[in-house]
Amino acid sequence: GKTEEEINRTVLWKKARELKIGGYDADVKTIVDKIVSFIN
């Protein structure tokens, strides 16, 4: 229910690289962990 302006770019980056079975490739997972750590 969010507007386009409310969607964070980091959310898009993560969603775009998520595997169909869930999770991420090893290289992508490293960046995702850094994103999560920074946001928190």
ModelCIF file with pLDDT and N, C-alpha, C, O atoms, coordinates in Angstrom:
data_MODEL
#
_entry.id   MODEL 
#
_entity.id                         1 
_entity.type                       polymer 
_entity.pdbx_number_of_molecules   1 
#
_entity_poly.entity_id                      1 
_entity_poly.type                           'polypeptide(L)' 
_entity_poly.nstd_linkage                   no 
_entity_poly.nstd_monomer                   no 
_entity_poly.pdbx_seq_one_letter_code       GKTEEEINRTVLWKKARELKIGGYDADVKTIVDKIVSFIN 
_entity_poly.pdbx_seq_one_letter_code_can   GKTEEEINRTVLWKKARELKIGGYDADVKTIVDKIVSFIN 
_entity_poly.pdbx_strand_id                 A 
#
loop_
_entity_poly_seq.entity_id 
_entity_poly_seq.num 
_entity_poly_seq.mon_id 
_entity_poly_seq.hetero 
1 1  GLY n 
1 2  LYS n 
1 3  THR n 
1 4  GLU n 
1 5  GLU n 
1 6  GLU n 
1 7  ILE n 
1 8  ASN n 
1 9  ARG n 
1 10 THR n 
1 11 VAL n 
1 12 LEU n 
1 13 TRP n 
1 14 LYS n 
1 15 LYS n 
1 16 ALA n 
1 17 ARG n 
1 18 GLU n 
1 19 LEU n 
1 20 LYS n 
1 21 ILE n 
1 22 GLY n 
1 23 GLY n 
1 24 TYR n 
1 25 ASP n 
1 26 ALA n 
1 27 ASP n 
1 28 VAL n 
1 29 LYS n 
1 30 THR n 
1 31 ILE n 
1 32 VAL n 
1 33 ASP n 
1 34 LYS n 
1 35 ILE n 
1 36 VAL n 
1 37 SER n 
1 38 PHE n 
1 39 ILE n 
1 40 ASN n 
#
_struct_asym.id          A 
_struct_asym.entity_id   1 
#
loop_
_ma_qa_metric.id 
_ma_qa_metric.mode 
_ma_qa_metric.name 
_ma_qa_metric.software_group_id 
_ma_qa_metric.type 
1 global pLDDT . pLDDT 
2 local  pLDDT . pLDDT 
#
_ma_qa_metric_global.metric_id      1 
_ma_qa_metric_global.metric_value   83.20 
_ma_qa_metric_global.model_id       1 
_ma_qa_metric_global.ordinal_id     1 
#
loop_
_ma_qa_metric_local.label_asym_id 
_ma_qa_metric_local.label_comp_id 
_ma_qa_metric_local.label_seq_id 
_ma_qa_metric_local.metric_id 
_ma_qa_metric_local.metric_value 
_ma_qa_metric_local.model_id 
_ma_qa_metric_local.ordinal_id 
A GLY 1  2 85.00 1 1  
A LYS 2  2 83.00 1 2  
A THR 3  2 83.00 1 3  
A GLU 4  2 81.00 1 4  
A GLU 5  2 81.00 1 5  
A GLU 6  2 83.00 1 6  
A ILE 7  2 83.00 1 7  
A ASN 8  2 81.00 1 8  
A ARG 9  2 82.00 1 9  
A THR 10 2 84.00 1 10 
A VAL 11 2 83.00 1 11 
A LEU 12 2 85.00 1 12 
A TRP 13 2 84.00 1 13 
A LYS 14 2 85.00 1 14 
A LYS 15 2 85.00 1 15 
A ALA 16 2 84.00 1 16 
A ARG 17 2 85.00 1 17 
A GLU 18 2 84.00 1 18 
A LEU 19 2 84.00 1 19 
A LYS 20 2 80.00 1 20 
A ILE 21 2 83.00 1 21 
A GLY 22 2 83.00 1 22 
A GLY 23 2 85.00 1 23 
A TYR 24 2 85.00 1 24 
A ASP 25 2 84.00 1 25 
A ALA 26 2 84.00 1 26 
A ASP 27 2 84.00 1 27 
A VAL 28 2 84.00 1 28 
A LYS 29 2 87.00 1 29 
A THR 30 2 87.00 1 30 
A ILE 31 2 86.00 1 31 
A VAL 32 2 84.00 1 32 
A ASP 33 2 86.00 1 33 
A LYS 34 2 85.00 1 34 
A ILE 35 2 82.00 1 35 
A VAL 36 2 81.00 1 36 
A SER 37 2 83.00 1 37 
A PHE 38 2 79.00 1 38 
A ILE 39 2 76.00 1 39 
A ASN 40 2 75.00 1 40 
#
loop_
_atom_site.group_PDB 
_atom_site.id 
_atom_site.type_symbol 
_atom_site.label_atom_id 
_atom_site.label_alt_id 
_atom_site.label_comp_id 
_atom_site.label_asym_id 
_atom_site.label_entity_id 
_atom_site.label_seq_id 
_atom_site.pdbx_PDB_ins_code 
_atom_site.Cartn_x 
_atom_site.Cartn_y 
_atom_site.Cartn_z 
_atom_site.occupancy 
_atom_site.B_iso_or_equiv 
_atom_site.pdbx_formal_charge 
_atom_site.auth_seq_id 
_atom_site.auth_comp_id 
_atom_site.auth_asym_id 
_atom_site.auth_atom_id 
_atom_site.pdbx_PDB_model_num 
ATOM 1   N N  . GLY A 1 1  ? 0.805  -1.216  0.000  1.00 85.00 ? 1  GLY A N  1 
ATOM 2   C CA . GLY A 1 1  ? 0.000  0.000   0.000  1.00 85.00 ? 1  GLY A CA 1 
ATOM 3   C C  . GLY A 1 1  ? 0.838  1.265   0.000  1.00 85.00 ? 1  GLY A C  1 
ATOM 4   O O  . GLY A 1 1  ? 0.303  2.369   0.106  1.00 85.00 ? 1  GLY A O  1 
ATOM 5   N N  . LYS A 1 2  ? 2.155  1.110   -0.119 1.00 83.00 ? 2  LYS A N  1 
ATOM 6   C CA . LYS A 1 2  ? 3.036  2.269   -0.128 1.00 83.00 ? 2  LYS A CA 1 
ATOM 7   C C  . LYS A 1 2  ? 3.035  2.933   -1.496 1.00 83.00 ? 2  LYS A C  1 
ATOM 8   O O  . LYS A 1 2  ? 2.713  2.305   -2.504 1.00 83.00 ? 2  LYS A O  1 
ATOM 9   N N  . THR A 1 3  ? 3.399  4.211   -1.518 1.00 83.00 ? 3  THR A N  1 
ATOM 10  C CA . THR A 1 3  ? 3.575  4.906   -2.787 1.00 83.00 ? 3  THR A CA 1 
ATOM 11  C C  . THR A 1 3  ? 4.983  4.634   -3.293 1.00 83.00 ? 3  THR A C  1 
ATOM 12  O O  . THR A 1 3  ? 5.829  4.120   -2.562 1.00 83.00 ? 3  THR A O  1 
ATOM 13  N N  . GLU A 1 4  ? 5.221  4.979   -4.535 1.00 81.00 ? 4  GLU A N  1 
ATOM 14  C CA . GLU A 1 4  ? 6.544  4.741   -5.104 1.00 81.00 ? 4  GLU A CA 1 
ATOM 15  C C  . GLU A 1 4  ? 7.623  5.491   -4.347 1.00 81.00 ? 4  GLU A C  1 
ATOM 16  O O  . GLU A 1 4  ? 8.728  4.980   -4.166 1.00 81.00 ? 4  GLU A O  1 
ATOM 17  N N  . GLU A 1 5  ? 7.306  6.711   -3.900 1.00 81.00 ? 5  GLU A N  1 
ATOM 18  C CA . GLU A 1 5  ? 8.291  7.513   -3.176 1.00 81.00 ? 5  GLU A CA 1 
ATOM 19  C C  . GLU A 1 5  ? 8.637  6.913   -1.816 1.00 81.00 ? 5  GLU A C  1 
ATOM 20  O O  . GLU A 1 5  ? 9.707  7.190   -1.275 1.00 81.00 ? 5  GLU A O  1 
ATOM 21  N N  . GLU A 1 6  ? 7.748  6.100   -1.260 1.00 83.00 ? 6  GLU A N  1 
ATOM 22  C CA . GLU A 1 6  ? 7.971  5.521   0.068  1.00 83.00 ? 6  GLU A CA 1 
ATOM 23  C C  . GLU A 1 6  ? 8.788  4.235   0.031  1.00 83.00 ? 6  GLU A C  1 
ATOM 24  O O  . GLU A 1 6  ? 9.199  3.730   1.076  1.00 83.00 ? 6  GLU A O  1 
ATOM 25  N N  . ILE A 1 7  ? 9.021  3.711   -1.147 1.00 83.00 ? 7  ILE A N  1 
ATOM 26  C CA . ILE A 1 7  ? 9.771  2.457   -1.272 1.00 83.00 ? 7  ILE A CA 1 
ATOM 27  C C  . ILE A 1 7  ? 11.261 2.759   -1.310 1.00 83.00 ? 7  ILE A C  1 
ATOM 28  O O  . ILE A 1 7  ? 11.743 3.439   -2.216 1.00 83.00 ? 7  ILE A O  1 
ATOM 29  N N  . ASN A 1 8  ? 11.979 2.255   -0.330 1.00 81.00 ? 8  ASN A N  1 
ATOM 30  C CA . ASN A 1 8  ? 13.414 2.508   -0.225 1.00 81.00 ? 8  ASN A CA 1 
ATOM 31  C C  . ASN A 1 8  ? 14.173 1.749   -1.314 1.00 81.00 ? 8  ASN A C  1 
ATOM 32  O O  . ASN A 1 8  ? 13.823 0.620   -1.658 1.00 81.00 ? 8  ASN A O  1 
ATOM 33  N N  . ARG A 1 9  ? 15.212 2.382   -1.849 1.00 82.00 ? 9  ARG A N  1 
ATOM 34  C CA . ARG A 1 9  ? 15.997 1.755   -2.914 1.00 82.00 ? 9  ARG A CA 1 
ATOM 35  C C  . ARG A 1 9  ? 16.694 0.480   -2.454 1.00 82.00 ? 9  ARG A C  1 
ATOM 36  O O  . ARG A 1 9  ? 16.909 -0.437  -3.247 1.00 82.00 ? 9  ARG A O  1 
ATOM 37  N N  . THR A 1 10 ? 17.050 0.426   -1.159 1.00 84.00 ? 10 THR A N  1 
ATOM 38  C CA . THR A 1 10 ? 17.693 -0.784  -0.657 1.00 84.00 ? 10 THR A CA 1 
ATOM 39  C C  . THR A 1 10 ? 16.741 -1.970  -0.684 1.00 84.00 ? 10 THR A C  1 
ATOM 40  O O  . THR A 1 10 ? 17.167 -3.108  -0.879 1.00 84.00 ? 10 THR A O  1 
ATOM 41  N N  . VAL A 1 11 ? 15.438 -1.703  -0.485 1.00 83.00 ? 11 VAL A N  1 
ATOM 42  C CA . VAL A 1 11 ? 14.436 -2.770  -0.563 1.00 83.00 ? 11 VAL A CA 1 
ATOM 43  C C  . VAL A 1 11 ? 14.377 -3.309  -1.987 1.00 83.00 ? 11 VAL A C  1 
ATOM 44  O O  . VAL A 1 11 ? 14.314 -4.519  -2.201 1.00 83.00 ? 11 VAL A O  1 
ATOM 45  N N  . LEU A 1 12 ? 14.396 -2.406  -2.948 1.00 85.00 ? 12 LEU A N  1 
ATOM 46  C CA . LEU A 1 12 ? 14.365 -2.816  -4.352 1.00 85.00 ? 12 LEU A CA 1 
ATOM 47  C C  . LEU A 1 12 ? 15.597 -3.640  -4.708 1.00 85.00 ? 12 LEU A C  1 
ATOM 48  O O  . LEU A 1 12 ? 15.493 -4.662  -5.387 1.00 85.00 ? 12 LEU A O  1 
ATOM 49  N N  . TRP A 1 13 ? 16.757 -3.194  -4.250 1.00 84.00 ? 13 TRP A N  1 
ATOM 50  C CA . TRP A 1 13 ? 18.002 -3.898  -4.568 1.00 84.00 ? 13 TRP A CA 1 
ATOM 51  C C  . TRP A 1 13 ? 17.961 -5.322  -4.042 1.00 84.00 ? 13 TRP A C  1 
ATOM 52  O O  . TRP A 1 13 ? 18.341 -6.261  -4.741 1.00 84.00 ? 13 TRP A O  1 
ATOM 53  N N  . LYS A 1 14 ? 17.501 -5.480  -2.809 1.00 85.00 ? 14 LYS A N  1 
ATOM 54  C CA . LYS A 1 14 ? 17.430 -6.814  -2.203 1.00 85.00 ? 14 LYS A CA 1 
ATOM 55  C C  . LYS A 1 14 ? 16.416 -7.696  -2.914 1.00 85.00 ? 14 LYS A C  1 
ATOM 56  O O  . LYS A 1 14 ? 16.716 -8.838  -3.263 1.00 85.00 ? 14 LYS A O  1 
ATOM 57  N N  . LYS A 1 15 ? 15.218 -7.170  -3.127 1.00 85.00 ? 15 LYS A N  1 
ATOM 58  C CA . LYS A 1 15 ? 14.152 -7.947  -3.763 1.00 85.00 ? 15 LYS A CA 1 
ATOM 59  C C  . LYS A 1 15 ? 14.544 -8.393  -5.165 1.00 85.00 ? 15 LYS A C  1 
ATOM 60  O O  . LYS A 1 15 ? 14.212 -9.501  -5.588 1.00 85.00 ? 15 LYS A O  1 
ATOM 61  N N  . ALA A 1 16 ? 15.245 -7.533  -5.874 1.00 84.00 ? 16 ALA A N  1 
ATOM 62  C CA . ALA A 1 16 ? 15.612 -7.822  -7.255 1.00 84.00 ? 16 ALA A CA 1 
ATOM 63  C C  . ALA A 1 16 ? 16.596 -8.981  -7.364 1.00 84.00 ? 16 ALA A C  1 
ATOM 64  O O  . ALA A 1 16 ? 16.694 -9.616  -8.414 1.00 84.00 ? 16 ALA A O  1 
ATOM 65  N N  . ARG A 1 17 ? 17.320 -9.257  -6.293 1.00 85.00 ? 17 ARG A N  1 
ATOM 66  C CA . ARG A 1 17 ? 18.354 -10.290 -6.335 1.00 85.00 ? 17 ARG A CA 1 
ATOM 67  C C  . ARG A 1 17 ? 18.036 -11.503 -5.461 1.00 85.00 ? 17 ARG A C  1 
ATOM 68  O O  . ARG A 1 17 ? 18.890 -12.362 -5.240 1.00 85.00 ? 17 ARG A O  1 
ATOM 69  N N  . GLU A 1 18 ? 16.828 -11.560 -4.979 1.00 84.00 ? 18 GLU A N  1 
ATOM 70  C CA . GLU A 1 18 ? 16.414 -12.688 -4.154 1.00 84.00 ? 18 GLU A CA 1 
ATOM 71  C C  . GLU A 1 18 ? 16.155 -13.923 -5.021 1.00 84.00 ? 18 GLU A C  1 
ATOM 72  O O  . GLU A 1 18 ? 15.533 -13.827 -6.079 1.00 84.00 ? 18 GLU A O  1 
ATOM 73  N N  . LEU A 1 19 ? 16.636 -15.077 -4.568 1.00 84.00 ? 19 LEU A N  1 
ATOM 74  C CA . LEU A 1 19 ? 16.434 -16.321 -5.306 1.00 84.00 ? 19 LEU A CA 1 
ATOM 75  C C  . LEU A 1 19 ? 14.978 -16.764 -5.223 1.00 84.00 ? 19 LEU A C  1 
ATOM 76  O O  . LEU A 1 19 ? 14.275 -16.421 -4.272 1.00 84.00 ? 19 LEU A O  1 
ATOM 77  N N  . LYS A 1 20 ? 14.530 -17.518 -6.206 1.00 80.00 ? 20 LYS A N  1 
ATOM 78  C CA . LYS A 1 20 ? 13.153 -18.000 -6.208 1.00 80.00 ? 20 LYS A CA 1 
ATOM 79  C C  . LYS A 1 20 ? 12.863 -18.881 -5.001 1.00 80.00 ? 20 LYS A C  1 
ATOM 80  O O  . LYS A 1 20 ? 11.738 -18.907 -4.503 1.00 80.00 ? 20 LYS A O  1 
ATOM 81  N N  . ILE A 1 21 ? 13.884 -19.606 -4.527 1.00 83.00 ? 21 ILE A N  1 
ATOM 82  C CA . ILE A 1 21 ? 13.711 -20.497 -3.382 1.00 83.00 ? 21 ILE A CA 1 
ATOM 83  C C  . ILE A 1 21 ? 13.951 -19.753 -2.070 1.00 83.00 ? 21 ILE A C  1 
ATOM 84  O O  . ILE A 1 21 ? 13.901 -20.345 -0.993 1.00 83.00 ? 21 ILE A O  1 
ATOM 85  N N  . GLY A 1 22 ? 14.211 -18.453 -2.172 1.00 83.00 ? 22 GLY A N  1 
ATOM 86  C CA . GLY A 1 22 ? 14.503 -17.667 -0.981 1.00 83.00 ? 22 GLY A CA 1 
ATOM 87  C C  . GLY A 1 22 ? 15.997 -17.539 -0.756 1.00 83.00 ? 22 GLY A C  1 
ATOM 88  O O  . GLY A 1 22 ? 16.772 -18.374 -1.221 1.00 83.00 ? 22 GLY A O  1 
ATOM 89  N N  . GLY A 1 23 ? 16.401 -16.509 -0.053 1.00 85.00 ? 23 GLY A N  1 
ATOM 90  C CA . GLY A 1 23 ? 17.816 -16.305 0.219  1.00 85.00 ? 23 GLY A CA 1 
ATOM 91  C C  . GLY A 1 23 ? 18.531 -15.640 -0.948 1.00 85.00 ? 23 GLY A C  1 
ATOM 92  O O  . GLY A 1 23 ? 17.901 -15.166 -1.893 1.00 85.00 ? 23 GLY A O  1 
ATOM 93  N N  . TYR A 1 24 ? 19.866 -15.611 -0.866 1.00 85.00 ? 24 TYR A N  1 
ATOM 94  C CA . TYR A 1 24 ? 20.662 -14.915 -1.867 1.00 85.00 ? 24 TYR A CA 1 
ATOM 95  C C  . TYR A 1 24 ? 21.925 -15.710 -2.186 1.00 85.00 ? 24 TYR A C  1 
ATOM 96  O O  . TYR A 1 24 ? 22.344 -16.581 -1.424 1.00 85.00 ? 24 TYR A O  1 
ATOM 97  N N  . ASP A 1 25 ? 22.520 -15.384 -3.336 1.00 84.00 ? 25 ASP A N  1 
ATOM 98  C CA . ASP A 1 25 ? 23.839 -15.916 -3.637 1.00 84.00 ? 25 ASP A CA 1 
ATOM 99  C C  . ASP A 1 25 ? 24.827 -15.364 -2.613 1.00 84.00 ? 25 ASP A C  1 
ATOM 100 O O  . ASP A 1 25 ? 24.562 -14.346 -1.973 1.00 84.00 ? 25 ASP A O  1 
ATOM 101 N N  . ALA A 1 26 ? 25.961 -16.037 -2.462 1.00 84.00 ? 26 ALA A N  1 
ATOM 102 C CA . ALA A 1 26 ? 26.933 -15.655 -1.428 1.00 84.00 ? 26 ALA A CA 1 
ATOM 103 C C  . ALA A 1 26 ? 27.383 -14.201 -1.562 1.00 84.00 ? 26 ALA A C  1 
ATOM 104 O O  . ALA A 1 26 ? 27.418 -13.471 -0.572 1.00 84.00 ? 26 ALA A O  1 
ATOM 105 N N  . ASP A 1 27 ? 27.727 -13.777 -2.775 1.00 84.00 ? 27 ASP A N  1 
ATOM 106 C CA . ASP A 1 27 ? 28.200 -12.400 -2.975 1.00 84.00 ? 27 ASP A CA 1 
ATOM 107 C C  . ASP A 1 27 ? 27.115 -11.385 -2.642 1.00 84.00 ? 27 ASP A C  1 
ATOM 108 O O  . ASP A 1 27 ? 27.382 -10.359 -2.016 1.00 84.00 ? 27 ASP A O  1 
ATOM 109 N N  . VAL A 1 28 ? 25.889 -11.680 -3.066 1.00 84.00 ? 28 VAL A N  1 
ATOM 110 C CA . VAL A 1 28 ? 24.768 -10.778 -2.792 1.00 84.00 ? 28 VAL A CA 1 
ATOM 111 C C  . VAL A 1 28 ? 24.471 -10.747 -1.300 1.00 84.00 ? 28 VAL A C  1 
ATOM 112 O O  . VAL A 1 28 ? 24.175 -9.687  -0.748 1.00 84.00 ? 28 VAL A O  1 
ATOM 113 N N  . LYS A 1 29 ? 24.550 -11.910 -0.638 1.00 87.00 ? 29 LYS A N  1 
ATOM 114 C CA . LYS A 1 29 ? 24.261 -12.005 0.795  1.00 87.00 ? 29 LYS A CA 1 
ATOM 115 C C  . LYS A 1 29 ? 25.196 -11.098 1.599  1.00 87.00 ? 29 LYS A C  1 
ATOM 116 O O  . LYS A 1 29 ? 24.785 -10.509 2.599  1.00 87.00 ? 29 LYS A O  1 
ATOM 117 N N  . THR A 1 30 ? 26.437 -10.989 1.166  1.00 87.00 ? 30 THR A N  1 
ATOM 118 C CA . THR A 1 30 ? 27.393 -10.121 1.853  1.00 87.00 ? 30 THR A CA 1 
ATOM 119 C C  . THR A 1 30 ? 26.921 -8.671  1.839  1.00 87.00 ? 30 THR A C  1 
ATOM 120 O O  . THR A 1 30 ? 26.988 -7.980  2.855  1.00 87.00 ? 30 THR A O  1 
ATOM 121 N N  . ILE A 1 31 ? 26.445 -8.216  0.689  1.00 86.00 ? 31 ILE A N  1 
ATOM 122 C CA . ILE A 1 31 ? 25.963 -6.839  0.565  1.00 86.00 ? 31 ILE A CA 1 
ATOM 123 C C  . ILE A 1 31 ? 24.668 -6.654  1.347  1.00 86.00 ? 31 ILE A C  1 
ATOM 124 O O  . ILE A 1 31 ? 24.475 -5.624  1.994  1.00 86.00 ? 31 ILE A O  1 
ATOM 125 N N  . VAL A 1 32 ? 23.777 -7.648  1.291  1.00 84.00 ? 32 VAL A N  1 
ATOM 126 C CA . VAL A 1 32 ? 22.512 -7.568  2.021  1.00 84.00 ? 32 VAL A CA 1 
ATOM 127 C C  . VAL A 1 32 ? 22.764 -7.436  3.515  1.00 84.00 ? 32 VAL A C  1 
ATOM 128 O O  . VAL A 1 32 ? 22.108 -6.644  4.192  1.00 84.00 ? 32 VAL A O  1 
ATOM 129 N N  . ASP A 1 33 ? 23.708 -8.206  4.027  1.00 86.00 ? 33 ASP A N  1 
ATOM 130 C CA . ASP A 1 33 ? 24.033 -8.134  5.453  1.00 86.00 ? 33 ASP A CA 1 
ATOM 131 C C  . ASP A 1 33 ? 24.544 -6.739  5.828  1.00 86.00 ? 33 ASP A C  1 
ATOM 132 O O  . ASP A 1 33 ? 24.228 -6.227  6.902  1.00 86.00 ? 33 ASP A O  1 
ATOM 133 N N  . LYS A 1 34 ? 25.329 -6.130  4.942  1.00 85.00 ? 34 LYS A N  1 
ATOM 134 C CA . LYS A 1 34 ? 25.831 -4.787  5.204  1.00 85.00 ? 34 LYS A CA 1 
ATOM 135 C C  . LYS A 1 34 ? 24.691 -3.772  5.202  1.00 85.00 ? 34 LYS A C  1 
ATOM 136 O O  . LYS A 1 34 ? 24.674 -2.840  6.007  1.00 85.00 ? 34 LYS A O  1 
ATOM 137 N N  . ILE A 1 35 ? 23.740 -3.963  4.290  1.00 82.00 ? 35 ILE A N  1 
ATOM 138 C CA . ILE A 1 35 ? 22.584 -3.069  4.224  1.00 82.00 ? 35 ILE A CA 1 
ATOM 139 C C  . ILE A 1 35 ? 21.770 -3.162  5.506  1.00 82.00 ? 35 ILE A C  1 
ATOM 140 O O  . ILE A 1 35 ? 21.390 -2.146  6.089  1.00 82.00 ? 35 ILE A O  1 
ATOM 141 N N  . VAL A 1 36 ? 21.507 -4.383  5.937  1.00 81.00 ? 36 VAL A N  1 
ATOM 142 C CA . VAL A 1 36 ? 20.735 -4.609  7.153  1.00 81.00 ? 36 VAL A CA 1 
ATOM 143 C C  . VAL A 1 36 ? 21.438 -3.996  8.357  1.00 81.00 ? 36 VAL A C  1 
ATOM 144 O O  . VAL A 1 36 ? 20.813 -3.343  9.192  1.00 81.00 ? 36 VAL A O  1 
ATOM 145 N N  . SER A 1 37 ? 22.754 -4.218  8.433  1.00 83.00 ? 37 SER A N  1 
ATOM 146 C CA . SER A 1 37 ? 23.529 -3.681  9.555  1.00 83.00 ? 37 SER A CA 1 
ATOM 147 C C  . SER A 1 37 ? 23.476 -2.158  9.572  1.00 83.00 ? 37 SER A C  1 
ATOM 148 O O  . SER A 1 37 ? 23.322 -1.551  10.632 1.00 83.00 ? 37 SER A O  1 
ATOM 149 N N  . PHE A 1 38 ? 23.603 -1.542  8.403  1.00 79.00 ? 38 PHE A N  1 
ATOM 150 C CA . PHE A 1 38 ? 23.589 -0.080  8.336  1.00 79.00 ? 38 PHE A CA 1 
ATOM 151 C C  . PHE A 1 38 ? 22.215 0.469   8.721  1.00 79.00 ? 38 PHE A C  1 
ATOM 152 O O  . PHE A 1 38 ? 22.120 1.419   9.498  1.00 79.00 ? 38 PHE A O  1 
ATOM 153 N N  . ILE A 1 39 ? 21.154 -0.128  8.177  1.00 76.00 ? 39 ILE A N  1 
ATOM 154 C CA . ILE A 1 39 ? 19.799 0.341   8.481  1.00 76.00 ? 39 ILE A CA 1 
ATOM 155 C C  . ILE A 1 39 ? 19.517 0.234   9.969  1.00 76.00 ? 39 ILE A C  1 
ATOM 156 O O  . ILE A 1 39 ? 18.961 1.157   10.565 1.00 76.00 ? 39 ILE A O  1 
ATOM 157 N N  . ASN A 1 40 ? 19.889 -0.869  10.565 1.00 75.00 ? 40 ASN A N  1 
ATOM 158 C CA . ASN A 1 40 ? 19.645 -1.068  11.987 1.00 75.00 ? 40 ASN A CA 1 
ATOM 159 C C  . ASN A 1 40 ? 20.445 -0.086  12.842 1.00 75.00 ? 40 ASN A C  1 
ATOM 160 O O  . ASN A 1 40 ? 20.353 -0.119  14.069 1.00 75.00 ? 40 ASN A O  1 
#
